[in-house]
Amino acid sequence: MEMQSPVARPEPDGAGEHGRVRYAKPSEWAAQKDIIKRLYLDENKTLDEVRRVMADEHQFYAT
């Protein structure tokens, strides 16, 4: 049986303590909802583009 190694996720610049990613809490999702909707619905960005903008410009890391 072949063992597969886990896929490494790149750590964003805004990683939490010890270099781990601090993902958004439910209350943080609510606070960012309007921005996410604007990017996705109004600006027609892809999900990947929305994630990138939210991480780079708002230090918001989706799960």
PDB file of N, CA and C in Angstrom:
ATOM      1  N   MET A   1       0.843  -1.170   0.000  1.00  0.00           N
ATOM      2  CA  MET A   1       0.000   0.000   0.000  1.00  0.00           C
ATOM      3  C   MET A   1       0.893   1.239   0.000  1.00  0.00           C
ATOM      4  N   GLU A   2       0.604   2.157  -0.905  1.00  0.00           N
ATOM      5  CA  GLU A   2       1.405   3.371  -1.028  1.00  0.00           C
ATOM      6  C   GLU A   2       0.880   4.456  -0.092  1.00  0.00           C
ATOM      7  N   MET A   3       1.789   5.075   0.642  1.00  0.00           N
ATOM      8  CA  MET A   3       1.411   6.157   1.545  1.00  0.00           C
ATOM      9  C   MET A   3       1.518   7.477   0.795  1.00  0.00           C
ATOM     10  N   GLN A   4       0.515   8.293   0.919  1.00  0.00           N
ATOM     11  CA  GLN A   4       0.558   9.610   0.310  1.00  0.00           C
ATOM     12  C   GLN A   4       0.824  10.638   1.393  1.00  0.00           C
ATOM     13  N   SER A   5       1.695  11.566   1.066  1.00  0.00           N
ATOM     14  CA  SER A   5       1.967  12.620   2.039  1.00  0.00           C
ATOM     15  C   SER A   5       0.866  13.669   1.953  1.00  0.00           C
ATOM     16  N   PRO A   6       0.585  14.332   3.062  1.00  0.00           N
ATOM     17  CA  PRO A   6      -0.453  15.359   3.040  1.00  0.00           C
ATOM     18  C   PRO A   6      -0.052  16.525   2.148  1.00  0.00           C
ATOM     19  N   VAL A   7      -1.034  17.169   1.598  1.00  0.00           N
ATOM     20  CA  VAL A   7      -0.791  18.320   0.743  1.00  0.00           C
ATOM     21  C   VAL A   7      -0.509  19.528   1.628  1.00  0.00           C
ATOM     22  N   ALA A   8       0.589  20.178   1.362  1.00  0.00           N
ATOM     23  CA  ALA A   8       0.956  21.359   2.150  1.00  0.00           C
ATOM     24  C   ALA A   8       0.232  22.575   1.601  1.00  0.00           C
ATOM     25  N   ARG A   9      -0.325  23.360   2.491  1.00  0.00           N
ATOM     26  CA  ARG A   9      -0.949  24.616   2.098  1.00  0.00           C
ATOM     27  C   ARG A   9       0.057  25.729   2.326  1.00  0.00           C
ATOM     28  N   PRO A  10       0.164  26.634   1.374  1.00  0.00           N
ATOM     29  CA  PRO A  10       1.077  27.759   1.610  1.00  0.00           C
ATOM     30  C   PRO A  10       0.564  28.614   2.749  1.00  0.00           C
ATOM     31  N   GLU A  11       1.477  29.111   3.542  1.00  0.00           N
ATOM     32  CA  GLU A  11       1.091  29.957   4.666  1.00  0.00           C
ATOM     33  C   GLU A  11       1.011  31.400   4.202  1.00  0.00           C
ATOM     34  N   PRO A  12      -0.123  32.029   4.401  1.00  0.00           N
ATOM     35  CA  PRO A  12      -0.241  33.428   4.002  1.00  0.00           C
ATOM     36  C   PRO A  12       0.612  34.324   4.883  1.00  0.00           C
ATOM     37  N   ASP A  13       0.851  35.532   4.414  1.00  0.00           N
ATOM     38  CA  ASP A  13       1.643  36.488   5.181  1.00  0.00           C
ATOM     39  C   ASP A  13       1.036  36.763   6.544  1.00  0.00           C
ATOM     40  N   GLY A  14      -0.280  36.667   6.668  1.00  0.00           N
ATOM     41  CA  GLY A  14      -0.965  36.967   7.914  1.00  0.00           C
ATOM     42  C   GLY A  14      -1.154  35.753   8.796  1.00  0.00           C
ATOM     43  N   ALA A  15      -0.255  34.794   8.714  1.00  0.00           N
ATOM     44  CA  ALA A  15      -0.383  33.577   9.516  1.00  0.00           C
ATOM     45  C   ALA A  15      -0.370  33.919  10.995  1.00  0.00           C
ATOM     46  N   GLY A  16      -1.089  33.139  11.751  1.00  0.00           N
ATOM     47  CA  GLY A  16      -1.171  33.358  13.194  1.00  0.00           C
ATOM     48  C   GLY A  16       0.108  32.948  13.890  1.00  0.00           C
ATOM     49  N   GLU A  17       0.037  32.858  15.206  1.00  0.00           N
ATOM     50  CA  GLU A  17       1.231  32.510  15.960  1.00  0.00           C
ATOM     51  C   GLU A  17       1.748  31.143  15.542  1.00  0.00           C
ATOM     52  N   HIS A  18       3.015  30.945  15.630  1.00  0.00           N
ATOM     53  CA  HIS A  18       3.698  29.706  15.263  1.00  0.00           C
ATOM     54  C   HIS A  18       3.580  29.417  13.770  1.00  0.00           C
ATOM     55  N   GLY A  19       3.239  30.435  12.953  1.00  0.00           N
ATOM     56  CA  GLY A  19       3.195  30.257  11.513  1.00  0.00           C
ATOM     57  C   GLY A  19       1.967  29.547  10.988  1.00  0.00           C
ATOM     58  N   ARG A  20       1.015  29.241  11.853  1.00  0.00           N
ATOM     59  CA  ARG A  20      -0.201  28.569  11.395  1.00  0.00           C
ATOM     60  C   ARG A  20      -1.213  29.585  10.889  1.00  0.00           C
ATOM     61  N   VAL A  21      -1.999  29.161   9.902  1.00  0.00           N
ATOM     62  CA  VAL A  21      -3.037  30.031   9.360  1.00  0.00           C
ATOM     63  C   VAL A  21      -4.155  30.162  10.375  1.00  0.00           C
ATOM     64  N   ARG A  22      -4.610  31.387  10.596  1.00  0.00           N
ATOM     65  CA  ARG A  22      -5.747  31.615  11.477  1.00  0.00           C
ATOM     66  C   ARG A  22      -6.948  31.854  10.582  1.00  0.00           C
ATOM     67  N   TYR A  23      -7.793  30.839  10.489  1.00  0.00           N
ATOM     68  CA  TYR A  23      -8.961  30.932   9.630  1.00  0.00           C
ATOM     69  C   TYR A  23     -10.043  31.785  10.268  1.00  0.00           C
ATOM     70  N   ALA A  24     -10.899  32.331   9.433  1.00  0.00           N
ATOM     71  CA  ALA A  24     -11.948  33.251   9.870  1.00  0.00           C
ATOM     72  C   ALA A  24     -12.976  32.569  10.768  1.00  0.00           C
ATOM     73  N   LYS A  25     -13.400  33.319  11.780  1.00  0.00           N
ATOM     74  CA  LYS A  25     -14.463  32.873  12.682  1.00  0.00           C
ATOM     75  C   LYS A  25     -15.805  33.272  12.075  1.00  0.00           C
ATOM     76  N   PRO A  26     -16.904  32.650  12.522  1.00  0.00           N
ATOM     77  CA  PRO A  26     -18.225  33.001  11.977  1.00  0.00           C
ATOM     78  C   PRO A  26     -18.533  34.498  12.049  1.00  0.00           C
ATOM     79  N   SER A  27     -18.158  35.151  13.121  1.00  0.00           N
ATOM     80  CA  SER A  27     -18.426  36.590  13.237  1.00  0.00           C
ATOM     81  C   SER A  27     -17.628  37.393  12.207  1.00  0.00           C
ATOM     82  N   GLU A  28     -16.443  36.912  11.856  1.00  0.00           N
ATOM     83  CA  GLU A  28     -15.628  37.597  10.853  1.00  0.00           C
ATOM     84  C   GLU A  28     -16.218  37.423   9.455  1.00  0.00           C
ATOM     85  N   TRP A  29     -16.828  36.257   9.214  1.00  0.00           N
ATOM     86  CA  TRP A  29     -17.512  36.036   7.935  1.00  0.00           C
ATOM     87  C   TRP A  29     -18.612  37.070   7.758  1.00  0.00           C
ATOM     88  N   ALA A  30     -19.402  37.286   8.804  1.00  0.00           N
ATOM     89  CA  ALA A  30     -20.509  38.239   8.730  1.00  0.00           C
ATOM     90  C   ALA A  30     -19.996  39.645   8.427  1.00  0.00           C
ATOM     91  N   ALA A  31     -18.877  40.011   9.026  1.00  0.00           N
ATOM     92  CA  ALA A  31     -18.312  41.342   8.826  1.00  0.00           C
ATOM     93  C   ALA A  31     -17.793  41.543   7.397  1.00  0.00           C
ATOM     94  N   GLN A  32     -17.403  40.473   6.718  1.00  0.00           N
ATOM     95  CA  GLN A  32     -16.826  40.558   5.372  1.00  0.00           C
ATOM     96  C   GLN A  32     -17.832  40.233   4.270  1.00  0.00           C
ATOM     97  N   LYS A  33     -19.044  39.884   4.644  1.00  0.00           N
ATOM     98  CA  LYS A  33     -20.051  39.398   3.689  1.00  0.00           C
ATOM     99  C   LYS A  33     -20.279  40.361   2.522  1.00  0.00           C
ATOM    100  N   ASP A  34     -20.422  41.646   2.805  1.00  0.00           N
ATOM    101  CA  ASP A  34     -20.691  42.614   1.737  1.00  0.00           C
ATOM    102  C   ASP A  34     -19.540  42.706   0.739  1.00  0.00           C
ATOM    103  N   ILE A  35     -18.323  42.640   1.229  1.00  0.00           N
ATOM    104  CA  ILE A  35     -17.159  42.698   0.335  1.00  0.00           C
ATOM    105  C   ILE A  35     -17.118  41.452  -0.542  1.00  0.00           C
ATOM    106  N   ILE A  36     -17.343  40.292   0.051  1.00  0.00           N
ATOM    107  CA  ILE A  36     -17.322  39.034  -0.699  1.00  0.00           C
ATOM    108  C   ILE A  36     -18.403  39.050  -1.775  1.00  0.00           C
ATOM    109  N   LYS A  37     -19.602  39.491  -1.411  1.00  0.00           N
ATOM    110  CA  LYS A  37     -20.701  39.564  -2.382  1.00  0.00           C
ATOM    111  C   LYS A  37     -20.365  40.517  -3.528  1.00  0.00           C
ATOM    112  N   ARG A  38     -19.782  41.666  -3.208  1.00  0.00           N
ATOM    113  CA  ARG A  38     -19.423  42.632  -4.251  1.00  0.00           C
ATOM    114  C   ARG A  38     -18.402  42.043  -5.219  1.00  0.00           C
ATOM    115  N   LEU A  39     -17.370  41.414  -4.668  1.00  0.00           N
ATOM    116  CA  LEU A  39     -16.329  40.835  -5.518  1.00  0.00           C
ATOM    117  C   LEU A  39     -16.882  39.734  -6.414  1.00  0.00           C
ATOM    118  N   TYR A  40     -17.692  38.866  -5.846  1.00  0.00           N
ATOM    119  CA  TYR A  40     -18.180  37.695  -6.574  1.00  0.00           C
ATOM    120  C   TYR A  40     -19.333  38.036  -7.514  1.00  0.00           C
ATOM    121  N   LEU A  41     -20.323  38.756  -7.022  1.00  0.00           N
ATOM    122  CA  LEU A  41     -21.521  39.024  -7.813  1.00  0.00           C
ATOM    123  C   LEU A  41     -21.393  40.254  -8.706  1.00  0.00           C
ATOM    124  N   ASP A  42     -20.902  41.351  -8.160  1.00  0.00           N
ATOM    125  CA  ASP A  42     -20.841  42.593  -8.930  1.00  0.00           C
ATOM    126  C   ASP A  42     -19.624  42.663  -9.849  1.00  0.00           C
ATOM    127  N   GLU A  43     -18.481  42.190  -9.352  1.00  0.00           N
ATOM    128  CA  GLU A  43     -17.250  42.261 -10.142  1.00  0.00           C
ATOM    129  C   GLU A  43     -16.967  40.973 -10.908  1.00  0.00           C
ATOM    130  N   ASN A  44     -17.838  39.966 -10.749  1.00  0.00           N
ATOM    131  CA  ASN A  44     -17.733  38.691 -11.478  1.00  0.00           C
ATOM    132  C   ASN A  44     -16.383  38.004 -11.326  1.00  0.00           C
ATOM    133  N   LYS A  45     -15.800  38.102 -10.145  1.00  0.00           N
ATOM    134  CA  LYS A  45     -14.536  37.408  -9.887  1.00  0.00           C
ATOM    135  C   LYS A  45     -14.822  35.937  -9.604  1.00  0.00           C
ATOM    136  N   THR A  46     -13.861  35.096  -9.931  1.00  0.00           N
ATOM    137  CA  THR A  46     -13.993  33.677  -9.617  1.00  0.00           C
ATOM    138  C   THR A  46     -13.793  33.483  -8.117  1.00  0.00           C
ATOM    139  N   LEU A  47     -14.152  32.315  -7.621  1.00  0.00           N
ATOM    140  CA  LEU A  47     -13.964  32.021  -6.205  1.00  0.00           C
ATOM    141  C   LEU A  47     -12.488  32.147  -5.828  1.00  0.00           C
ATOM    142  N   ASP A  48     -11.614  31.645  -6.686  1.00  0.00           N
ATOM    143  CA  ASP A  48     -10.178  31.737  -6.412  1.00  0.00           C
ATOM    144  C   ASP A  48      -9.720  33.196  -6.347  1.00  0.00           C
ATOM    145  N   GLU A  49     -10.234  34.024  -7.236  1.00  0.00           N
ATOM    146  CA  GLU A  49      -9.880  35.447  -7.214  1.00  0.00           C
ATOM    147  C   GLU A  49     -10.397  36.125  -5.945  1.00  0.00           C
ATOM    148  N   VAL A  50     -11.619  35.782  -5.539  1.00  0.00           N
ATOM    149  CA  VAL A  50     -12.185  36.351  -4.314  1.00  0.00           C
ATOM    150  C   VAL A  50     -11.327  35.955  -3.120  1.00  0.00           C
ATOM    151  N   ARG A  51     -10.956  34.688  -3.034  1.00  0.00           N
ATOM    152  CA  ARG A  51     -10.098  34.226  -1.934  1.00  0.00           C
ATOM    153  C   ARG A  51      -8.783  34.996  -1.902  1.00  0.00           C
ATOM    154  N   ARG A  52      -8.199  35.173  -3.071  1.00  0.00           N
ATOM    155  CA  ARG A  52      -6.912  35.859  -3.157  1.00  0.00           C
ATOM    156  C   ARG A  52      -7.041  37.321  -2.710  1.00  0.00           C
ATOM    157  N   VAL A  53      -8.066  38.015  -3.184  1.00  0.00           N
ATOM    158  CA  VAL A  53      -8.280  39.414  -2.790  1.00  0.00           C
ATOM    159  C   VAL A  53      -8.528  39.506  -1.291  1.00  0.00           C
ATOM    160  N   MET A  54      -9.366  38.625  -0.773  1.00  0.00           N
ATOM    161  CA  MET A  54      -9.690  38.672   0.653  1.00  0.00           C
ATOM    162  C   MET A  54      -8.449  38.416   1.505  1.00  0.00           C
ATOM    163  N   ALA A  55      -7.599  37.503   1.072  1.00  0.00           N
ATOM    164  CA  ALA A  55      -6.372  37.214   1.822  1.00  0.00           C
ATOM    165  C   ALA A  55      -5.371  38.364   1.707  1.00  0.00           C
ATOM    166  N   ASP A  56      -5.142  38.824   0.489  1.00  0.00           N
ATOM    167  CA  ASP A  56      -4.120  39.848   0.252  1.00  0.00           C
ATOM    168  C   ASP A  56      -4.502  41.222   0.784  1.00  0.00           C
ATOM    169  N   GLU A  57      -5.755  41.604   0.597  1.00  0.00           N
ATOM    170  CA  GLU A  57      -6.160  42.964   0.934  1.00  0.00           C
ATOM    171  C   GLU A  57      -6.878  43.100   2.271  1.00  0.00           C
ATOM    172  N   HIS A  58      -7.419  41.983   2.782  1.00  0.00           N
ATOM    173  CA  HIS A  58      -8.219  42.067   4.005  1.00  0.00           C
ATOM    174  C   HIS A  58      -7.746  41.104   5.100  1.00  0.00           C
ATOM    175  N   GLN A  59      -6.667  40.345   4.836  1.00  0.00           N
ATOM    176  CA  GLN A  59      -6.145  39.357   5.785  1.00  0.00           C
ATOM    177  C   GLN A  59      -7.269  38.444   6.290  1.00  0.00           C
ATOM    178  N   PHE A  60      -8.135  38.037   5.359  1.00  0.00           N
ATOM    179  CA  PHE A  60      -9.283  37.180   5.651  1.00  0.00           C
ATOM    180  C   PHE A  60      -9.031  35.852   4.961  1.00  0.00           C
ATOM    181  N   TYR A  61      -8.927  34.782   5.736  1.00  0.00           N
ATOM    182  CA  TYR A  61      -8.596  33.465   5.208  1.00  0.00           C
ATOM    183  C   TYR A  61      -9.767  32.521   5.402  1.00  0.00           C
ATOM    184  N   ALA A  62     -10.402  32.170   4.288  1.00  0.00           N
ATOM    185  CA  ALA A  62     -11.550  31.271   4.334  1.00  0.00           C
ATOM    186  C   ALA A  62     -11.092  29.846   4.612  1.00  0.00           C
ATOM    187  N   THR A  63     -11.973  29.056   5.185  1.00  0.00           N
ATOM    188  CA  THR A  63     -11.659  27.653   5.460  1.00  0.00           C
ATOM    189  C   THR A  63     -11.830  26.831   4.216  1.00  0.00           C
TER     190      THR A  63
END
